[in-house]
């Protein structure tokens, strides 16, 4: 699925390792069980992202893309209902 909003193209985001993905997914699943609020777009500070380590940028990109996808899918479903 192609996201409508994009991260800056001039920042290198390395691939994320499988162990970190699994940790993030498990943490996300636990936090989702506690909160059932509507998804919102996840904002970011480009300059702060530039200062992150490559590993942190990889984790950020993984989290941001998943949250953005969740938000865009929510918006599409909401538009189809209305």
Protein backbone atom coordinates (compact mmCIF):
# COMPACT_ATOMS: atom_id res chain seq x y z
CA UNK A 1 0.00 0.00 0.00
CA UNK A 2 1.35 3.40 -1.01
CA UNK A 3 1.09 5.99 1.76
CA UNK A 4 -0.25 9.44 0.90
CA UNK A 5 2.09 11.24 3.28
CA UNK A 6 5.82 10.60 2.91
CA UNK A 7 8.94 10.90 5.02
CA UNK A 8 11.65 13.23 3.66
CA UNK A 9 13.43 11.58 0.73
CA UNK A 10 16.79 13.15 1.58
CA UNK A 11 17.10 11.30 4.90
CA UNK A 12 18.55 7.78 4.84
CA UNK A 13 16.37 5.26 6.68
CA UNK A 14 18.11 1.87 6.90
CA UNK A 15 16.15 -1.36 7.05
CA UNK A 16 15.03 -2.48 10.48
CA UNK A 17 16.08 -5.84 11.87
CA UNK A 18 13.50 -8.54 12.57
CA UNK A 19 14.05 -8.59 16.35
CA UNK A 20 13.35 -4.86 16.62
CA UNK A 21 10.24 -5.23 14.42
CA UNK A 22 8.93 -7.97 16.69
CA UNK A 23 9.61 -5.88 19.81
CA UNK A 24 7.84 -2.85 18.34
CA UNK A 25 4.88 -4.96 17.19
CA UNK A 26 4.52 -6.58 20.61
CA UNK A 27 4.69 -3.22 22.38
CA UNK A 28 2.16 -1.77 19.96
CA UNK A 29 -0.22 -4.67 20.51
CA UNK A 30 -0.05 -4.17 24.27
CA UNK A 31 -0.64 -0.42 24.03
CA UNK A 32 -3.53 -0.90 21.57
CA UNK A 33 -5.25 -3.18 24.05
CA UNK A 34 -5.24 -0.28 26.51
CA UNK A 35 -6.37 2.47 24.13
CA UNK A 36 -9.15 2.29 21.57
CA UNK A 37 -9.04 5.90 20.36
CA UNK A 38 -9.33 6.88 16.70
CA UNK A 39 -5.96 6.92 14.93
CA UNK A 40 -4.39 10.28 14.11
CA UNK A 41 -1.55 11.21 11.78
CA UNK A 42 1.80 10.92 13.53
CA UNK A 43 3.67 14.19 13.28
CA UNK A 44 7.45 14.38 13.17
CA UNK A 45 10.27 16.90 13.38
CA UNK A 46 12.55 16.54 10.35
CA UNK A 47 15.57 18.08 12.07
CA UNK A 48 15.18 15.78 15.06
CA UNK A 49 15.02 12.77 12.72
CA UNK A 50 18.25 13.88 11.06
CA UNK A 51 20.01 13.71 14.45
CA UNK A 52 18.89 10.16 15.22
CA UNK A 53 21.23 7.21 14.85
CA UNK A 54 20.61 5.05 11.78
CA UNK A 55 19.09 2.35 14.00
CA UNK A 56 16.72 4.85 15.63
CA UNK A 57 15.74 6.22 12.20
CA UNK A 58 14.96 2.68 11.05
CA UNK A 59 12.74 2.10 14.09
CA UNK A 60 11.07 5.50 13.63
CA UNK A 61 10.34 4.80 9.97
CA UNK A 62 8.85 1.40 10.80
CA UNK A 63 6.59 2.85 13.50
CA UNK A 64 5.64 5.92 11.45
CA UNK A 65 4.73 3.92 8.34
CA UNK A 66 2.57 1.49 10.32
CA UNK A 67 0.76 4.30 12.14
CA UNK A 68 0.30 6.30 8.94
CA UNK A 69 -1.11 3.23 7.19
CA UNK A 70 -3.49 2.64 10.10
CA UNK A 71 -4.64 6.28 9.95
CA UNK A 72 -5.12 6.27 6.16
CA UNK A 73 -7.05 2.99 6.26
CA UNK A 74 -9.25 4.41 9.03
CA UNK A 75 -9.92 7.53 6.92
CA UNK A 76 -10.82 5.42 3.85
CA UNK A 77 -13.26 3.28 5.85
CA UNK A 78 -14.77 6.40 7.41
CA UNK A 79 -15.27 7.98 3.96
CA UNK A 80 -16.91 4.81 2.63
CA UNK A 81 -19.43 4.81 5.48
CA UNK A 82 -20.32 8.49 5.05
